[in-house]
Amino acid sequence: MKGGVKVAETLQMIFQNTQGRNSTISVTDPDSELTALDVETVMDSVIAKNVFETTGGDIVAKVRSQVVSRDVDVLAEY
């Protein structure tokens, strides 16, 4: 039951679907060695393989990728 502050990171890959709306794929705790080129390659693969469908249709274009960091104050772990 130890608490403390942890930094939580999430990789967000943001795409555009056929209706022109953004759709985000999030990955928690991404590898710290990940580069922009690595992420771009994965995003290109997601588009090329057409493995995800959104409510706005297929994913058709990359918009951006970003790593979001936030402090999480853990009160207790069980």
Foldseek 3Di string as FASTA:
>chain_A
DDWAKDKKKKKWWWFAFPQRDIDIDIDTPDDPPDDPVNVVVVVVVCQVVQPDADPRGTGHGTDDMDMDIDMDTGPDDD
